[in-house]
């Protein structure tokens, strides 16, 4: 229960907090862009079983590897991709918290 609250709190709450604090003029757009990073979970379709509550996503799914995370951090550098990179990094943080419970 605590794991789910923390996981989804980070997925959806942290982008909202970041949007409200740092993107005040366009917080709604910033929030939608960052929260939409959850779409990278499409790589879970490649796993068997597709969902396993006892599996750590980090370094298991292709878009959750350390190599992919390097790209997500690099997306923080250009202003045009910063919100996408921020959303993806927040997504990885949320998924990492799941691994801490295992």
N, C-alpha and C. Protein backbone atom coordinates (compact mmCIF):
# COMPACT_ATOMS: atom_id res chain seq x y z
N UNK A 1 0.82 -1.19 0.00
CA UNK A 1 0.00 0.00 0.00
C UNK A 1 0.87 1.26 0.00
N UNK A 2 1.83 1.33 0.93
CA UNK A 2 2.74 2.48 1.00
C UNK A 2 3.55 2.59 -0.29
N UNK A 3 3.96 1.43 -0.81
CA UNK A 3 4.73 1.41 -2.05
C UNK A 3 3.92 2.04 -3.19
N UNK A 4 2.66 1.69 -3.31
CA UNK A 4 1.82 2.25 -4.38
C UNK A 4 1.59 3.74 -4.20
N UNK A 5 1.36 4.17 -2.98
CA UNK A 5 1.15 5.60 -2.71
C UNK A 5 2.40 6.38 -3.08
N UNK A 6 3.56 5.87 -2.67
CA UNK A 6 4.82 6.54 -2.99
C UNK A 6 5.08 6.54 -4.50
N UNK A 7 4.88 5.39 -5.12
CA UNK A 7 5.14 5.26 -6.55
C UNK A 7 4.29 6.22 -7.38
N UNK A 8 2.98 6.17 -7.17
CA UNK A 8 2.09 7.03 -7.97
C UNK A 8 2.10 8.47 -7.49
N UNK A 9 2.46 8.68 -6.24
CA UNK A 9 2.64 10.05 -5.75
C UNK A 9 3.79 10.73 -6.46
N UNK A 10 4.87 9.98 -6.67
CA UNK A 10 6.01 10.52 -7.42
C UNK A 10 5.63 10.69 -8.89
N UNK A 11 4.98 9.68 -9.46
CA UNK A 11 4.60 9.74 -10.88
C UNK A 11 3.76 10.96 -11.22
N UNK A 12 2.79 11.27 -10.37
CA UNK A 12 1.85 12.33 -10.70
C UNK A 12 1.95 13.56 -9.79
N UNK A 13 2.36 13.37 -8.55
CA UNK A 13 2.48 14.48 -7.62
C UNK A 13 3.73 15.31 -7.81
N UNK A 14 4.86 14.66 -8.01
CA UNK A 14 6.12 15.39 -8.18
C UNK A 14 6.12 16.25 -9.45
N UNK A 15 5.63 15.75 -10.59
CA UNK A 15 5.55 16.64 -11.75
C UNK A 15 4.64 17.85 -11.51
N UNK A 16 3.57 17.64 -10.76
CA UNK A 16 2.68 18.77 -10.44
C UNK A 16 3.40 19.79 -9.58
N UNK A 17 4.11 19.32 -8.58
CA UNK A 17 4.87 20.22 -7.70
C UNK A 17 5.93 20.99 -8.49
N UNK A 18 6.67 20.30 -9.33
CA UNK A 18 7.69 20.95 -10.16
C UNK A 18 7.05 21.97 -11.10
N UNK A 19 5.93 21.60 -11.71
CA UNK A 19 5.24 22.51 -12.63
C UNK A 19 4.77 23.77 -11.91
N UNK A 20 4.20 23.59 -10.73
CA UNK A 20 3.70 24.75 -9.98
C UNK A 20 4.81 25.65 -9.46
N UNK A 21 5.94 25.05 -9.09
CA UNK A 21 7.05 25.84 -8.53
C UNK A 21 7.91 26.51 -9.60
N UNK A 22 8.16 25.81 -10.70
CA UNK A 22 9.15 26.30 -11.65
C UNK A 22 8.59 26.74 -13.00
N UNK A 23 7.35 26.39 -13.29
CA UNK A 23 6.75 26.75 -14.57
C UNK A 23 5.39 27.42 -14.32
N UNK A 24 5.38 28.41 -13.45
CA UNK A 24 4.15 29.03 -12.97
C UNK A 24 3.26 29.55 -14.09
N UNK A 25 3.83 30.14 -15.12
CA UNK A 25 3.03 30.71 -16.20
C UNK A 25 2.38 29.66 -17.08
N UNK A 26 3.02 28.53 -17.23
CA UNK A 26 2.52 27.45 -18.09
C UNK A 26 2.48 26.13 -17.34
N UNK A 27 2.05 26.16 -16.09
CA UNK A 27 2.15 24.97 -15.26
C UNK A 27 1.31 23.81 -15.78
N UNK A 28 0.18 24.09 -16.40
CA UNK A 28 -0.68 23.00 -16.88
C UNK A 28 -0.01 22.24 -18.02
N UNK A 29 0.56 22.98 -18.95
CA UNK A 29 1.26 22.35 -20.07
C UNK A 29 2.48 21.59 -19.57
N UNK A 30 3.23 22.22 -18.67
CA UNK A 30 4.42 21.59 -18.10
C UNK A 30 4.05 20.29 -17.39
N UNK A 31 2.95 20.33 -16.64
CA UNK A 31 2.51 19.13 -15.91
C UNK A 31 2.13 18.00 -16.88
N UNK A 32 1.35 18.33 -17.89
CA UNK A 32 0.91 17.30 -18.85
C UNK A 32 2.12 16.68 -19.55
N UNK A 33 3.09 17.49 -19.94
CA UNK A 33 4.28 16.96 -20.61
C UNK A 33 5.05 16.04 -19.67
N UNK A 34 5.28 16.49 -18.44
CA UNK A 34 6.05 15.66 -17.51
C UNK A 34 5.29 14.40 -17.12
N UNK A 35 4.00 14.52 -16.85
CA UNK A 35 3.21 13.35 -16.44
C UNK A 35 3.06 12.35 -17.59
N UNK A 36 3.12 12.82 -18.82
CA UNK A 36 2.97 11.91 -19.96
C UNK A 36 4.18 11.00 -20.13
N UNK A 37 5.22 11.22 -19.36
CA UNK A 37 6.38 10.33 -19.40
C UNK A 37 6.01 8.91 -19.01
N UNK A 38 4.86 8.73 -18.42
CA UNK A 38 4.40 7.39 -18.05
C UNK A 38 4.21 6.52 -19.30
N UNK A 39 4.13 7.17 -20.46
CA UNK A 39 3.97 6.43 -21.72
C UNK A 39 5.16 5.53 -22.03
N UNK A 40 6.33 5.79 -21.42
CA UNK A 40 7.46 4.91 -21.70
C UNK A 40 7.24 3.52 -21.09
N UNK A 41 6.21 3.38 -20.29
CA UNK A 41 5.90 2.05 -19.76
C UNK A 41 5.37 1.12 -20.84
N UNK A 42 5.28 1.61 -22.06
CA UNK A 42 4.87 0.75 -23.18
C UNK A 42 5.85 -0.42 -23.34
N UNK A 43 7.09 -0.22 -22.88
CA UNK A 43 8.06 -1.32 -22.99
C UNK A 43 7.71 -2.49 -22.08
N UNK A 44 6.76 -2.31 -21.18
CA UNK A 44 6.31 -3.42 -20.34
C UNK A 44 5.58 -4.47 -21.18
N UNK A 45 5.11 -4.07 -22.35
CA UNK A 45 4.43 -5.01 -23.24
C UNK A 45 5.38 -6.09 -23.75
N UNK A 46 6.67 -5.82 -23.69
CA UNK A 46 7.66 -6.79 -24.16
C UNK A 46 8.00 -7.86 -23.12
N UNK A 47 7.56 -7.64 -21.89
CA UNK A 47 7.91 -8.56 -20.80
C UNK A 47 6.85 -9.65 -20.63
N UNK A 48 7.30 -10.78 -20.11
CA UNK A 48 6.40 -11.87 -19.78
C UNK A 48 6.68 -12.27 -18.34
N UNK A 49 5.72 -12.15 -17.44
CA UNK A 49 4.42 -11.52 -17.62
C UNK A 49 4.56 -10.00 -17.78
N UNK A 50 3.53 -9.40 -18.35
CA UNK A 50 3.57 -7.97 -18.61
C UNK A 50 3.73 -7.17 -17.31
N UNK A 51 3.07 -7.59 -16.26
CA UNK A 51 3.18 -6.94 -14.95
C UNK A 51 3.55 -7.97 -13.91
N UNK A 52 4.54 -7.64 -13.13
CA UNK A 52 4.96 -8.49 -12.02
C UNK A 52 5.29 -7.56 -10.86
N UNK A 53 4.47 -7.60 -9.82
CA UNK A 53 4.64 -6.69 -8.69
C UNK A 53 5.97 -6.90 -7.97
N UNK A 54 6.57 -8.06 -8.13
CA UNK A 54 7.83 -8.33 -7.44
C UNK A 54 9.05 -8.08 -8.32
N UNK A 55 8.84 -7.49 -9.50
CA UNK A 55 9.95 -7.25 -10.42
C UNK A 55 10.36 -5.77 -10.37
N UNK A 56 11.65 -5.54 -10.37
CA UNK A 56 12.18 -4.18 -10.44
C UNK A 56 12.29 -3.79 -11.91
N UNK A 57 11.63 -2.70 -12.29
CA UNK A 57 11.64 -2.26 -13.69
C UNK A 57 13.00 -1.74 -14.13
N UNK A 58 13.75 -1.19 -13.18
CA UNK A 58 15.03 -0.58 -13.52
C UNK A 58 15.99 -1.64 -14.04
N UNK A 59 16.49 -1.40 -15.22
CA UNK A 59 17.43 -2.27 -15.93
C UNK A 59 16.81 -3.61 -16.35
N UNK A 60 15.49 -3.69 -16.34
CA UNK A 60 14.81 -4.88 -16.84
C UNK A 60 14.14 -4.59 -18.18
N UNK A 61 13.38 -3.51 -18.24
CA UNK A 61 12.71 -3.11 -19.47
C UNK A 61 13.64 -2.22 -20.30
N UNK A 62 13.57 -2.28 -21.62
CA UNK A 62 14.51 -1.53 -22.48
C UNK A 62 14.53 -0.02 -22.24
N UNK A 63 13.39 0.59 -21.99
CA UNK A 63 13.36 2.04 -21.77
C UNK A 63 13.62 2.41 -20.31
N UNK A 64 13.94 1.42 -19.49
CA UNK A 64 14.24 1.65 -18.08
C UNK A 64 15.68 1.26 -17.75
N UNK A 65 16.53 1.15 -18.77
CA UNK A 65 17.93 0.77 -18.54
C UNK A 65 18.76 1.98 -18.17
N UNK A 66 19.93 1.71 -17.65
CA UNK A 66 20.85 2.80 -17.30
C UNK A 66 21.28 3.57 -18.55
N UNK A 67 21.39 2.88 -19.67
CA UNK A 67 21.75 3.55 -20.92
C UNK A 67 20.66 4.55 -21.32
N UNK A 68 19.41 4.13 -21.18
CA UNK A 68 18.30 5.02 -21.51
C UNK A 68 18.29 6.20 -20.55
N UNK A 69 18.61 5.96 -19.29
CA UNK A 69 18.62 7.04 -18.29
C UNK A 69 19.65 8.11 -18.62
N UNK A 70 20.76 7.71 -19.21
CA UNK A 70 21.76 8.69 -19.63
C UNK A 70 21.14 9.63 -20.67
N UNK A 71 20.38 9.07 -21.59
CA UNK A 71 19.70 9.88 -22.60
C UNK A 71 18.70 10.82 -21.93
N UNK A 72 17.96 10.32 -20.94
CA UNK A 72 16.97 11.14 -20.25
C UNK A 72 17.63 12.33 -19.54
N UNK A 73 18.78 12.07 -18.95
CA UNK A 73 19.51 13.17 -18.28
C UNK A 73 20.01 14.17 -19.33
N UNK A 74 20.48 13.68 -20.46
CA UNK A 74 20.94 14.59 -21.52
C UNK A 74 19.79 15.43 -22.08
N UNK A 75 18.58 14.90 -22.03
CA UNK A 75 17.42 15.67 -22.49
C UNK A 75 17.15 16.89 -21.60
N UNK A 76 17.71 16.89 -20.40
CA UNK A 76 17.54 18.03 -19.50
C UNK A 76 18.32 19.26 -19.97
N UNK A 77 19.33 19.06 -20.78
CA UNK A 77 20.22 20.16 -21.17
C UNK A 77 19.59 21.16 -22.14
N UNK A 78 19.06 20.73 -23.30
CA UNK A 78 18.43 21.71 -24.20
C UNK A 78 17.08 22.16 -23.63
N UNK A 79 16.80 23.41 -23.74
CA UNK A 79 15.56 23.96 -23.21
C UNK A 79 14.32 23.31 -23.86
N UNK A 80 14.42 22.99 -25.14
CA UNK A 80 13.28 22.43 -25.87
C UNK A 80 12.89 21.03 -25.38
N UNK A 81 13.82 20.29 -24.82
CA UNK A 81 13.52 18.93 -24.37
C UNK A 81 13.54 18.78 -22.85
N UNK A 82 13.72 19.89 -22.16
CA UNK A 82 13.89 19.84 -20.70
C UNK A 82 12.69 19.22 -19.98
N UNK A 83 11.48 19.59 -20.35
CA UNK A 83 10.31 19.05 -19.67
C UNK A 83 10.16 17.55 -19.91
N UNK A 84 10.46 17.12 -21.11
CA UNK A 84 10.40 15.68 -21.41
C UNK A 84 11.45 14.95 -20.58
N UNK A 85 12.66 15.47 -20.57
CA UNK A 85 13.73 14.85 -19.78
C UNK A 85 13.40 14.83 -18.30
N UNK A 86 12.82 15.91 -17.82
CA UNK A 86 12.45 15.98 -16.41
C UNK A 86 11.37 14.94 -16.08
N UNK A 87 10.38 14.83 -16.95
CA UNK A 87 9.35 13.83 -16.75
C UNK A 87 9.90 12.42 -16.76
N UNK A 88 10.82 12.15 -17.66
CA UNK A 88 11.42 10.82 -17.75
C UNK A 88 12.29 10.52 -16.53
N UNK A 89 13.04 11.51 -16.06
CA UNK A 89 13.86 11.32 -14.86
C UNK A 89 12.98 11.10 -13.63
N UNK A 90 11.88 11.82 -13.53
CA UNK A 90 10.95 11.62 -12.42
C UNK A 90 10.34 10.22 -12.51
N UNK A 91 10.03 9.79 -13.72
CA UNK A 91 9.49 8.44 -13.92
C UNK A 91 10.48 7.39 -13.42
N UNK A 92 11.75 7.56 -13.73
CA UNK A 92 12.77 6.61 -13.29
C UNK A 92 12.88 6.62 -11.77
N UNK A 93 12.77 7.79 -11.17
CA UNK A 93 12.80 7.90 -9.70
C UNK A 93 11.63 7.13 -9.10
N UNK A 94 10.45 7.29 -9.67
CA UNK A 94 9.27 6.57 -9.19
C UNK A 94 9.47 5.07 -9.30
N UNK A 95 10.00 4.61 -10.42
CA UNK A 95 10.22 3.18 -10.59
C UNK A 95 11.34 2.67 -9.69
N UNK A 96 12.33 3.50 -9.42
CA UNK A 96 13.41 3.10 -8.53
C UNK A 96 12.89 2.88 -7.11
N UNK A 97 11.90 3.67 -6.69
CA UNK A 97 11.36 3.49 -5.34
C UNK A 97 10.73 2.11 -5.19
N UNK A 98 10.16 1.58 -6.30
CA UNK A 98 9.61 0.22 -6.25
C UNK A 98 10.73 -0.78 -5.95
N UNK A 99 11.88 -0.57 -6.54
CA UNK A 99 13.00 -1.49 -6.35
C UNK A 99 13.48 -1.46 -4.90
N UNK A 100 13.36 -0.31 -4.25
CA UNK A 100 13.81 -0.18 -2.86
C UNK A 100 12.94 -1.01 -1.92
N UNK A 101 11.71 -1.31 -2.33
CA UNK A 101 10.82 -2.11 -1.49
C UNK A 101 11.04 -3.60 -1.66
N UNK A 102 11.92 -4.00 -2.57
CA UNK A 102 12.12 -5.43 -2.83
C UNK A 102 13.30 -5.98 -2.08
